[in-house]
């Protein structure tokens, strides 16, 4: 009986690995198709990266830190959060503007 459990466990692990491998292959092929079909894909990704990822990486963490630790931050910590938020917003605006100009120039 223990052998059957071991075999079933091995088969189940093998099946899960096969499913994961299939999903990775499908995602890889789909991303390749998207890159080939959409012209200026790199510019489109630059737009999303500059607008969304900059906000997610710099602005929102600073805002969350300010809100969570409101009243418990030193002036130096508060200033660091404000500077990070400001630089994130400046980077997002400059990057988004540049990406939009490149998108409009390509069309």
PDB file of N, CA and C in Angstrom:
ATOM      1  N   UNK A   1       0.822  -1.184   0.000  1.00  0.00           N
ATOM      2  CA  UNK A   1       0.000   0.000   0.000  1.00  0.00           C
ATOM      3  C   UNK A   1       0.873   1.258   0.000  1.00  0.00           C
ATOM      4  N   UNK A   2       1.984   1.235   0.714  1.00  0.00           N
ATOM      5  CA  UNK A   2       2.879   2.388   0.738  1.00  0.00           C
ATOM      6  C   UNK A   2       3.468   2.640  -0.638  1.00  0.00           C
ATOM      7  N   UNK A   3       3.729   1.546  -1.377  1.00  0.00           N
ATOM      8  CA  UNK A   3       4.255   1.720  -2.730  1.00  0.00           C
ATOM      9  C   UNK A   3       3.243   2.441  -3.614  1.00  0.00           C
ATOM     10  N   UNK A   4       1.961   2.115  -3.482  1.00  0.00           N
ATOM     11  CA  UNK A   4       0.929   2.769  -4.283  1.00  0.00           C
ATOM     12  C   UNK A   4       0.862   4.266  -3.978  1.00  0.00           C
ATOM     13  N   UNK A   5       0.978   4.627  -2.699  1.00  0.00           N
ATOM     14  CA  UNK A   5       0.951   6.033  -2.340  1.00  0.00           C
ATOM     15  C   UNK A   5       2.157   6.756  -2.936  1.00  0.00           C
ATOM     16  N   UNK A   6       3.304   6.095  -2.898  1.00  0.00           N
ATOM     17  CA  UNK A   6       4.508   6.709  -3.431  1.00  0.00           C
ATOM     18  C   UNK A   6       4.389   6.898  -4.942  1.00  0.00           C
ATOM     19  N   UNK A   7       3.853   5.880  -5.606  1.00  0.00           N
ATOM     20  CA  UNK A   7       3.681   5.980  -7.049  1.00  0.00           C
ATOM     21  C   UNK A   7       2.653   7.069  -7.369  1.00  0.00           C
ATOM     22  N   UNK A   8       1.535   7.102  -6.640  1.00  0.00           N
ATOM     23  CA  UNK A   8       0.518   8.130  -6.876  1.00  0.00           C
ATOM     24  C   UNK A   8       1.072   9.515  -6.597  1.00  0.00           C
ATOM     25  N   UNK A   9       1.847   9.657  -5.532  1.00  0.00           N
ATOM     26  CA  UNK A   9       2.460  10.938  -5.221  1.00  0.00           C
ATOM     27  C   UNK A   9       3.423  11.375  -6.301  1.00  0.00           C
ATOM     28  N   UNK A  10       4.201  10.408  -6.816  1.00  0.00           N
ATOM     29  CA  UNK A  10       5.137  10.729  -7.885  1.00  0.00           C
ATOM     30  C   UNK A  10       4.395  11.112  -9.161  1.00  0.00           C
ATOM     31  N   UNK A  11       3.318  10.380  -9.464  1.00  0.00           N
ATOM     32  CA  UNK A  11       2.525  10.709 -10.649  1.00  0.00           C
ATOM     33  C   UNK A  11       1.873  12.081 -10.509  1.00  0.00           C
ATOM     34  N   UNK A  12       1.398  12.364  -9.307  1.00  0.00           N
ATOM     35  CA  UNK A  12       0.765  13.656  -9.083  1.00  0.00           C
ATOM     36  C   UNK A  12       1.786  14.789  -9.225  1.00  0.00           C
ATOM     37  N   UNK A  13       2.993  14.594  -8.679  1.00  0.00           N
ATOM     38  CA  UNK A  13       4.049  15.598  -8.825  1.00  0.00           C
ATOM     39  C   UNK A  13       4.433  15.763 -10.287  1.00  0.00           C
ATOM     40  N   UNK A  14       4.539  14.669 -11.002  1.00  0.00           N
ATOM     41  CA  UNK A  14       4.896  14.718 -12.415  1.00  0.00           C
ATOM     42  C   UNK A  14       3.815  15.442 -13.215  1.00  0.00           C
ATOM     43  N   UNK A  15       2.558  15.185 -12.894  1.00  0.00           N
ATOM     44  CA  UNK A  15       1.458  15.858 -13.583  1.00  0.00           C
ATOM     45  C   UNK A  15       1.483  17.361 -13.314  1.00  0.00           C
ATOM     46  N   UNK A  16       1.710  17.764 -12.059  1.00  0.00           N
ATOM     47  CA  UNK A  16       1.777  19.188 -11.728  1.00  0.00           C
ATOM     48  C   UNK A  16       2.939  19.864 -12.450  1.00  0.00           C
ATOM     49  N   UNK A  17       4.073  19.177 -12.516  1.00  0.00           N
ATOM     50  CA  UNK A  17       5.222  19.737 -13.231  1.00  0.00           C
ATOM     51  C   UNK A  17       4.891  19.898 -14.704  1.00  0.00           C
ATOM     52  N   UNK A  18       4.226  18.915 -15.296  1.00  0.00           N
ATOM     53  CA  UNK A  18       3.846  18.999 -16.711  1.00  0.00           C
ATOM     54  C   UNK A  18       2.880  20.154 -16.953  1.00  0.00           C
ATOM     55  N   UNK A  19       1.931  20.353 -16.043  1.00  0.00           N
ATOM     56  CA  UNK A  19       0.977  21.467 -16.180  1.00  0.00           C
ATOM     57  C   UNK A  19       1.699  22.807 -16.096  1.00  0.00           C
ATOM     58  N   UNK A  20       2.624  22.920 -15.151  1.00  0.00           N
ATOM     59  CA  UNK A  20       3.384  24.172 -15.012  1.00  0.00           C
ATOM     60  C   UNK A  20       4.238  24.428 -16.243  1.00  0.00           C
ATOM     61  N   UNK A  21       4.876  23.402 -16.749  1.00  0.00           N
ATOM     62  CA  UNK A  21       5.702  23.537 -17.941  1.00  0.00           C
ATOM     63  C   UNK A  21       4.856  23.954 -19.137  1.00  0.00           C
ATOM     64  N   UNK A  22       3.680  23.380 -19.263  1.00  0.00           N
ATOM     65  CA  UNK A  22       2.779  23.745 -20.348  1.00  0.00           C
ATOM     66  C   UNK A  22       2.351  25.210 -20.229  1.00  0.00           C
ATOM     67  N   UNK A  23       2.007  25.652 -19.023  1.00  0.00           N
ATOM     68  CA  UNK A  23       1.594  27.048 -18.823  1.00  0.00           C
ATOM     69  C   UNK A  23       2.727  28.013 -19.157  1.00  0.00           C
ATOM     70  N   UNK A  24       3.941  27.690 -18.758  1.00  0.00           N
ATOM     71  CA  UNK A  24       5.087  28.540 -19.070  1.00  0.00           C
ATOM     72  C   UNK A  24       5.302  28.608 -20.582  1.00  0.00           C
ATOM     73  N   UNK A  25       5.191  27.470 -21.248  1.00  0.00           N
ATOM     74  CA  UNK A  25       5.371  27.441 -22.700  1.00  0.00           C
ATOM     75  C   UNK A  25       4.300  28.267 -23.406  1.00  0.00           C
ATOM     76  N   UNK A  26       3.053  28.160 -22.952  1.00  0.00           N
ATOM     77  CA  UNK A  26       1.964  28.926 -23.560  1.00  0.00           C
ATOM     78  C   UNK A  26       2.194  30.419 -23.358  1.00  0.00           C
ATOM     79  N   UNK A  27       2.572  30.829 -22.157  1.00  0.00           N
ATOM     80  CA  UNK A  27       2.838  32.243 -21.894  1.00  0.00           C
ATOM     81  C   UNK A  27       4.012  32.755 -22.730  1.00  0.00           C
ATOM     82  N   UNK A  28       5.025  31.931 -22.881  1.00  0.00           N
ATOM     83  CA  UNK A  28       6.186  32.309 -23.684  1.00  0.00           C
ATOM     84  C   UNK A  28       5.794  32.521 -25.143  1.00  0.00           C
ATOM     85  N   UNK A  29       5.021  31.601 -25.687  1.00  0.00           N
ATOM     86  CA  UNK A  29       4.587  31.708 -27.081  1.00  0.00           C
ATOM     87  C   UNK A  29       3.653  32.909 -27.265  1.00  0.00           C
ATOM     88  N   UNK A  30       2.731  33.110 -26.333  1.00  0.00           N
ATOM     89  CA  UNK A  30       1.813  34.250 -26.434  1.00  0.00           C
ATOM     90  C   UNK A  30       2.550  35.583 -26.354  1.00  0.00           C
ATOM     91  N   UNK A  31       3.533  35.678 -25.489  1.00  0.00           N
ATOM     92  CA  UNK A  31       4.285  36.936 -25.418  1.00  0.00           C
ATOM     93  C   UNK A  31       5.081  37.162 -26.694  1.00  0.00           C
ATOM     94  N   UNK A  32       5.597  36.112 -27.288  1.00  0.00           N
ATOM     95  CA  UNK A  32       6.285  36.240 -28.575  1.00  0.00           C
ATOM     96  C   UNK A  32       5.348  36.703 -29.675  1.00  0.00           C
ATOM     97  N   UNK A  33       4.142  36.182 -29.693  1.00  0.00           N
ATOM     98  CA  UNK A  33       3.152  36.598 -30.693  1.00  0.00           C
ATOM     99  C   UNK A  33       2.784  38.064 -30.504  1.00  0.00           C
ATOM    100  N   UNK A  34       2.598  38.488 -29.266  1.00  0.00           N
ATOM    101  CA  UNK A  34       2.262  39.887 -28.987  1.00  0.00           C
ATOM    102  C   UNK A  34       3.369  40.809 -29.477  1.00  0.00           C
ATOM    103  N   UNK A  35       4.611  40.433 -29.219  1.00  0.00           N
ATOM    104  CA  UNK A  35       5.743  41.262 -29.650  1.00  0.00           C
ATOM    105  C   UNK A  35       5.787  41.365 -31.176  1.00  0.00           C
ATOM    106  N   UNK A  36       5.490  40.278 -31.868  1.00  0.00           N
ATOM    107  CA  UNK A  36       5.539  40.292 -33.327  1.00  0.00           C
ATOM    108  C   UNK A  36       4.351  41.038 -33.944  1.00  0.00           C
ATOM    109  N   UNK A  37       3.194  40.963 -33.312  1.00  0.00           N
ATOM    110  CA  UNK A  37       1.983  41.538 -33.888  1.00  0.00           C
ATOM    111  C   UNK A  37       1.893  43.047 -33.628  1.00  0.00           C
ATOM    112  N   UNK A  38       2.274  43.485 -32.439  1.00  0.00           N
ATOM    113  CA  UNK A  38       2.119  44.899 -32.074  1.00  0.00           C
ATOM    114  C   UNK A  38       3.376  45.668 -32.476  1.00  0.00           C
ATOM    115  N   UNK A  39       3.239  46.637 -33.371  1.00  0.00           N
ATOM    116  CA  UNK A  39       4.393  47.465 -33.701  1.00  0.00           C
ATOM    117  C   UNK A  39       4.689  48.403 -32.535  1.00  0.00           C
ATOM    118  N   UNK A  40       5.932  48.797 -32.393  1.00  0.00           N
ATOM    119  CA  UNK A  40       6.355  49.689 -31.307  1.00  0.00           C
ATOM    120  C   UNK A  40       6.037  49.107 -29.931  1.00  0.00           C
ATOM    121  N   UNK A  41       6.206  47.806 -29.787  1.00  0.00           N
ATOM    122  CA  UNK A  41       5.891  47.162 -28.515  1.00  0.00           C
ATOM    123  C   UNK A  41       6.793  47.684 -27.403  1.00  0.00           C
ATOM    124  N   UNK A  42       8.054  47.942 -27.721  1.00  0.00           N
ATOM    125  CA  UNK A  42       8.971  48.435 -26.688  1.00  0.00           C
ATOM    126  C   UNK A  42       8.541  49.813 -26.197  1.00  0.00           C
ATOM    127  N   UNK A  43       8.041  50.644 -27.081  1.00  0.00           N
ATOM    128  CA  UNK A  43       7.560  51.962 -26.680  1.00  0.00           C
ATOM    129  C   UNK A  43       6.307  51.836 -25.824  1.00  0.00           C
ATOM    130  N   UNK A  44       5.440  50.907 -26.173  1.00  0.00           N
ATOM    131  CA  UNK A  44       4.244  50.666 -25.380  1.00  0.00           C
ATOM    132  C   UNK A  44       4.612  50.191 -23.977  1.00  0.00           C
ATOM    133  N   UNK A  45       5.584  49.307 -23.882  1.00  0.00           N
ATOM    134  CA  UNK A  45       6.036  48.836 -22.577  1.00  0.00           C
ATOM    135  C   UNK A  45       6.725  49.949 -21.793  1.00  0.00           C
ATOM    136  N   UNK A  46       7.426  50.838 -22.487  1.00  0.00           N
ATOM    137  CA  UNK A  46       8.042  51.984 -21.817  1.00  0.00           C
ATOM    138  C   UNK A  46       6.959  52.882 -21.223  1.00  0.00           C
ATOM    139  N   UNK A  47       5.861  53.041 -21.938  1.00  0.00           N
ATOM    140  CA  UNK A  47       4.754  53.849 -21.429  1.00  0.00           C
ATOM    141  C   UNK A  47       4.176  53.237 -20.158  1.00  0.00           C
ATOM    142  N   UNK A  48       3.869  51.929 -20.209  1.00  0.00           N
ATOM    143  CA  UNK A  48       3.304  51.280 -19.031  1.00  0.00           C
ATOM    144  C   UNK A  48       4.305  51.251 -17.876  1.00  0.00           C
ATOM    145  N   UNK A  49       5.555  51.028 -18.190  1.00  0.00           N
ATOM    146  CA  UNK A  49       6.571  51.002 -17.145  1.00  0.00           C
ATOM    147  C   UNK A  49       6.744  52.344 -16.475  1.00  0.00           C
ATOM    148  N   UNK A  50       6.772  53.395 -17.262  1.00  0.00           N
ATOM    149  CA  UNK A  50       6.987  54.721 -16.678  1.00  0.00           C
ATOM    150  C   UNK A  50       5.762  55.215 -15.930  1.00  0.00           C
ATOM    151  N   UNK A  51       4.582  54.867 -16.400  1.00  0.00           N
ATOM    152  CA  UNK A  51       3.390  55.374 -15.727  1.00  0.00           C
ATOM    153  C   UNK A  51       2.987  54.501 -14.541  1.00  0.00           C
ATOM    154  N   UNK A  52       2.973  53.221 -14.718  1.00  0.00           N
ATOM    155  CA  UNK A  52       2.473  52.335 -13.659  1.00  0.00           C
ATOM    156  C   UNK A  52       3.560  51.874 -12.692  1.00  0.00           C
ATOM    157  N   UNK A  53       4.648  51.368 -13.225  1.00  0.00           N
ATOM    158  CA  UNK A  53       5.668  50.775 -12.369  1.00  0.00           C
ATOM    159  C   UNK A  53       6.383  51.805 -11.512  1.00  0.00           C
ATOM    160  N   UNK A  54       6.559  53.000 -12.027  1.00  0.00           N
ATOM    161  CA  UNK A  54       7.183  54.046 -11.222  1.00  0.00           C
ATOM    162  C   UNK A  54       6.285  54.399 -10.046  1.00  0.00           C
ATOM    163  N   UNK A  55       4.993  54.467 -10.296  1.00  0.00           N
ATOM    164  CA  UNK A  55       4.064  54.750  -9.210  1.00  0.00           C
ATOM    165  C   UNK A  55       4.050  53.619  -8.189  1.00  0.00           C
ATOM    166  N   UNK A  56       4.064  52.382  -8.676  1.00  0.00           N
ATOM    167  CA  UNK A  56       4.053  51.233  -7.768  1.00  0.00           C
ATOM    168  C   UNK A  56       5.360  51.079  -7.004  1.00  0.00           C
ATOM    169  N   UNK A  57       6.461  51.487  -7.607  1.00  0.00           N
ATOM    170  CA  UNK A  57       7.760  51.282  -6.977  1.00  0.00           C
ATOM    171  C   UNK A  57       8.219  52.405  -6.076  1.00  0.00           C
ATOM    172  N   UNK A  58       7.773  53.627  -6.343  1.00  0.00           N
ATOM    173  CA  UNK A  58       8.264  54.771  -5.572  1.00  0.00           C
ATOM    174  C   UNK A  58       7.158  55.517  -4.832  1.00  0.00           C
ATOM    175  N   UNK A  59       6.112  55.872  -5.538  1.00  0.00           N
ATOM    176  CA  UNK A  59       5.109  56.762  -4.965  1.00  0.00           C
ATOM    177  C   UNK A  59       4.256  56.045  -3.917  1.00  0.00           C
ATOM    178  N   UNK A  60       3.644  54.943  -4.305  1.00  0.00           N
ATOM    179  CA  UNK A  60       2.748  54.254  -3.373  1.00  0.00           C
ATOM    180  C   UNK A  60       3.441  53.751  -2.107  1.00  0.00           C
ATOM    181  N   UNK A  61       4.627  53.144  -2.179  1.00  0.00           N
ATOM    182  CA  UNK A  61       5.278  52.738  -0.925  1.00  0.00           C
ATOM    183  C   UNK A  61       5.543  53.913   0.019  1.00  0.00           C
ATOM    184  N   UNK A  62       5.938  55.051  -0.548  1.00  0.00           N
ATOM    185  CA  UNK A  62       6.157  56.218   0.293  1.00  0.00           C
ATOM    186  C   UNK A  62       4.872  56.703   0.946  1.00  0.00           C
ATOM    187  N   UNK A  63       3.794  56.726   0.174  1.00  0.00           N
ATOM    188  CA  UNK A  63       2.496  57.140   0.718  1.00  0.00           C
ATOM    189  C   UNK A  63       2.029  56.170   1.794  1.00  0.00           C
ATOM    190  N   UNK A  64       2.169  54.864   1.514  1.00  0.00           N
ATOM    191  CA  UNK A  64       1.760  53.864   2.504  1.00  0.00           C
ATOM    192  C   UNK A  64       2.568  54.001   3.786  1.00  0.00           C
ATOM    193  N   UNK A  65       3.872  54.220   3.655  1.00  0.00           N
ATOM    194  CA  UNK A  65       4.729  54.363   4.830  1.00  0.00           C
ATOM    195  C   UNK A  65       4.316  55.588   5.641  1.00  0.00           C
ATOM    196  N   UNK A  66       4.002  56.675   4.966  1.00  0.00           N
ATOM    197  CA  UNK A  66       3.553  57.872   5.669  1.00  0.00           C
ATOM    198  C   UNK A  66       2.228  57.626   6.399  1.00  0.00           C
ATOM    199  N   UNK A  67       1.306  56.921   5.751  1.00  0.00           N
ATOM    200  CA  UNK A  67      -0.006  56.683   6.358  1.00  0.00           C
ATOM    201  C   UNK A  67       0.051  55.673   7.498  1.00  0.00           C
ATOM    202  N   UNK A  68       0.839  54.617   7.310  1.00  0.00           N
ATOM    203  CA  UNK A  68       0.892  53.570   8.337  1.00  0.00           C
ATOM    204  C   UNK A  68       1.569  54.080   9.603  1.00  0.00           C
ATOM    205  N   UNK A  69       2.662  54.802   9.434  1.00  0.00           N
ATOM    206  CA  UNK A  69       3.429  55.271  10.583  1.00  0.00           C
ATOM    207  C   UNK A  69       3.154  56.747  10.889  1.00  0.00           C
ATOM    208  N   UNK A  70       1.971  57.207  10.534  1.00  0.00           N
ATOM    209  CA  UNK A  70       1.603  58.604  10.766  1.00  0.00           C
ATOM    210  C   UNK A  70       1.680  58.920  12.261  1.00  0.00           C
ATOM    211  N   UNK A  71       2.414  59.973  12.590  1.00  0.00           N
ATOM    212  CA  UNK A  71       2.578  60.365  13.984  1.00  0.00           C
ATOM    213  C   UNK A  71       3.758  59.709  14.674  1.00  0.00           C
ATOM    214  N   UNK A  72       4.369  58.695  14.044  1.00  0.00           N
ATOM    215  CA  UNK A  72       5.497  57.995  14.658  1.00  0.00           C
ATOM    216  C   UNK A  72       6.803  58.216  13.892  1.00  0.00           C
ATOM    217  N   UNK A  73       6.762  58.988  12.835  1.00  0.00           N
ATOM    218  CA  UNK A  73       7.953  59.216  12.024  1.00  0.00           C
ATOM    219  C   UNK A  73       8.712  60.445  12.518  1.00  0.00           C
ATOM    220  N   UNK A  74      10.024  60.341  12.429  1.00  0.00           N
ATOM    221  CA  UNK A  74      10.830  61.525  12.719  1.00  0.00           C
ATOM    222  C   UNK A  74      10.743  62.459  11.512  1.00  0.00           C
ATOM    223  N   UNK A  75      11.180  63.683  11.696  1.00  0.00           N
ATOM    224  CA  UNK A  75      11.163  64.641  10.581  1.00  0.00           C
ATOM    225  C   UNK A  75      12.050  64.172   9.436  1.00  0.00           C
ATOM    226  N   UNK A  76      13.171  63.524   9.761  1.00  0.00           N
ATOM    227  CA  UNK A  76      14.074  63.017   8.725  1.00  0.00           C
ATOM    228  C   UNK A  76      13.403  61.901   7.917  1.00  0.00           C
ATOM    229  N   UNK A  77      12.734  60.963   8.586  1.00  0.00           N
ATOM    230  CA  UNK A  77      12.037  59.883   7.885  1.00  0.00           C
ATOM    231  C   UNK A  77      10.900  60.438   7.026  1.00  0.00           C
ATOM    232  N   UNK A  78      10.172  61.408   7.570  1.00  0.00           N
ATOM    233  CA  UNK A  78       9.089  62.029   6.823  1.00  0.00           C
ATOM    234  C   UNK A  78       9.629  62.715   5.576  1.00  0.00           C
ATOM    235  N   UNK A  79      10.751  63.430   5.723  1.00  0.00           N
ATOM    236  CA  UNK A  79      11.353  64.128   4.591  1.00  0.00           C
ATOM    237  C   UNK A  79      11.844  63.143   3.530  1.00  0.00           C
ATOM    238  N   UNK A  80      12.436  62.036   3.963  1.00  0.00           N
ATOM    239  CA  UNK A  80      12.899  61.015   3.009  1.00  0.00           C
ATOM    240  C   UNK A  80      11.718  60.463   2.213  1.00  0.00           C
ATOM    241  N   UNK A  81      10.599  60.175   2.881  1.00  0.00           N
ATOM    242  CA  UNK A  81       9.417  59.681   2.173  1.00  0.00           C
ATOM    243  C   UNK A  81       8.910  60.712   1.165  1.00  0.00           C
ATOM    244  N   UNK A  82       8.872  61.969   1.549  1.00  0.00           N
ATOM    245  CA  UNK A  82       8.392  63.022   0.652  1.00  0.00           C
ATOM    246  C   UNK A  82       9.314  63.153  -0.559  1.00  0.00           C
ATOM    247  N   UNK A  83      10.617  63.080  -0.339  1.00  0.00           N
ATOM    248  CA  UNK A  83      11.575  63.175  -1.451  1.00  0.00           C
ATOM    249  C   UNK A  83      11.409  61.995  -2.401  1.00  0.00           C
ATOM    250  N   UNK A  84      11.237  60.793  -1.861  1.00  0.00           N
ATOM    251  CA  UNK A  84      11.047  59.606  -2.712  1.00  0.00           C
ATOM    252  C   UNK A  84       9.746  59.735  -3.515  1.00  0.00           C
ATOM    253  N   UNK A  85       8.686  60.185  -2.877  1.00  0.00           N
ATOM    254  CA  UNK A  85       7.416  60.377  -3.583  1.00  0.00           C
ATOM    255  C   UNK A  85       7.576  61.422  -4.681  1.00  0.00           C
ATOM    256  N   UNK A  86       8.221  62.537  -4.362  1.00  0.00           N
ATOM    257  CA  UNK A  86       8.417  63.603  -5.343  1.00  0.00           C
ATOM    258  C   UNK A  86       9.246  63.115  -6.528  1.00  0.00           C
ATOM    259  N   UNK A  87      10.371  62.437  -6.254  1.00  0.00           N
ATOM    260  CA  UNK A  87      11.216  61.935  -7.347  1.00  0.00           C
ATOM    261  C   UNK A  87      10.482  60.891  -8.178  1.00  0.00           C
ATOM    262  N   UNK A  88       9.657  60.060  -7.529  1.00  0.00           N
ATOM    263  CA  UNK A  88       8.851  59.087  -8.265  1.00  0.00           C
ATOM    264  C   UNK A  88       7.848  59.757  -9.183  1.00  0.00           C
ATOM    265  N   UNK A  89       7.209  60.814  -8.700  1.00  0.00           N
ATOM    266  CA  UNK A  89       6.255  61.537  -9.539  1.00  0.00           C
ATOM    267  C   UNK A  89       6.955  62.239 -10.702  1.00  0.00           C
ATOM    268  N   UNK A  90       8.105  62.838 -10.428  1.00  0.00           N
ATOM    269  CA  UNK A  90       8.867  63.494 -11.504  1.00  0.00           C
ATOM    270  C   UNK A  90       9.286  62.459 -12.550  1.00  0.00           C
ATOM    271  N   UNK A  91       9.793  61.318 -12.094  1.00  0.00           N
ATOM    272  CA  UNK A  91      10.188  60.256 -13.024  1.00  0.00           C
ATOM    273  C   UNK A  91       9.020  59.726 -13.820  1.00  0.00           C
ATOM    274  N   UNK A  92       7.865  59.580 -13.166  1.00  0.00           N
ATOM    275  CA  UNK A  92       6.674  59.088 -13.867  1.00  0.00           C
ATOM    276  C   UNK A  92       6.221  60.074 -14.935  1.00  0.00           C
ATOM    277  N   UNK A  93       6.236  61.358 -14.613  1.00  0.00           N
ATOM    278  CA  UNK A  93       5.800  62.371 -15.579  1.00  0.00           C
ATOM    279  C   UNK A  93       6.767  62.445 -16.759  1.00  0.00           C
ATOM    280  N   UNK A  94       8.064  62.481 -16.473  1.00  0.00           N
ATOM    281  CA  UNK A  94       9.061  62.564 -17.556  1.00  0.00           C
ATOM    282  C   UNK A  94       9.022  61.307 -18.419  1.00  0.00           C
ATOM    283  N   UNK A  95       8.978  60.135 -17.792  1.00  0.00           N
ATOM    284  CA  UNK A  95       8.947  58.888 -18.550  1.00  0.00           C
ATOM    285  C   UNK A  95       7.687  58.720 -19.367  1.00  0.00           C
ATOM    286  N   UNK A  96       6.553  59.083 -18.789  1.00  0.00           N
ATOM    287  CA  UNK A  96       5.281  58.981 -19.509  1.00  0.00           C
ATOM    288  C   UNK A  96       5.252  59.944 -20.682  1.00  0.00           C
ATOM    289  N   UNK A  97       5.732  61.156 -20.472  1.00  0.00           N
ATOM    290  CA  UNK A  97       5.783  62.142 -21.558  1.00  0.00           C
ATOM    291  C   UNK A  97       6.670  61.650 -22.696  1.00  0.00           C
ATOM    292  N   UNK A  98       7.850  61.138 -22.342  1.00  0.00           N
ATOM    293  CA  UNK A  98       8.763  60.638 -23.362  1.00  0.00           C
ATOM    294  C   UNK A  98       8.158  59.464 -24.128  1.00  0.00           C
ATOM    295  N   UNK A  99       7.542  58.533 -23.407  1.00  0.00           N
ATOM    296  CA  UNK A  99       6.936  57.376 -24.064  1.00  0.00           C
ATOM    297  C   UNK A  99       5.771  57.787 -24.957  1.00  0.00           C
ATOM    298  N   UNK A 100       4.962  58.745 -24.489  1.00  0.00           N
ATOM    299  CA  UNK A 100       3.851  59.218 -25.324  1.00  0.00           C
ATOM    300  C   UNK A 100       4.353  59.911 -26.586  1.00  0.00           C
ATOM    301  N   UNK A 101       5.401  60.714 -26.450  1.00  0.00           N
ATOM    302  CA  UNK A 101       5.960  61.369 -27.635  1.00  0.00           C
ATOM    303  C   UNK A 101       6.500  60.350 -28.636  1.00  0.00           C
ATOM    304  N   UNK A 102       7.142  59.292 -28.125  1.00  0.00           N
ATOM    305  CA  UNK A 102       7.650  58.251 -29.025  1.00  0.00           C
ATOM    306  C   UNK A 102       6.511  57.464 -29.658  1.00  0.00           C
ATOM    307  N   UNK A 103       5.428  57.220 -28.893  1.00  0.00           N
ATOM    308  CA  UNK A 103       4.273  56.516 -29.462  1.00  0.00           C
ATOM    309  C   UNK A 103       3.615  57.349 -30.559  1.00  0.00           C
ATOM    310  N   UNK A 104       3.461  58.643 -30.308  1.00  0.00           N
ATOM    311  CA  UNK A 104       2.824  59.504 -31.301  1.00  0.00           C
ATOM    312  C   UNK A 104       3.711  59.707 -32.530  1.00  0.00           C
ATOM    313  N   UNK A 105       5.027  59.725 -32.338  1.00  0.00           N
ATOM    314  CA  UNK A 105       5.933  59.884 -33.464  1.00  0.00           C
ATOM    315  C   UNK A 105       5.968  58.630 -34.337  1.00  0.00           C
ATOM    316  N   UNK A 106       5.722  57.469 -33.726  1.00  0.00           N
ATOM    317  CA  UNK A 106       5.759  56.221 -34.478  1.00  0.00           C
ATOM    318  C   UNK A 106       4.522  55.986 -35.303  1.00  0.00           C
ATOM    319  N   UNK A 107       3.432  56.678 -34.991  1.00  0.00           N
ATOM    320  CA  UNK A 107       2.185  56.415 -35.734  1.00  0.00           C
ATOM    321  C   UNK A 107       1.932  57.414 -36.818  1.00  0.00           C
TER     322      UNK A 107
END
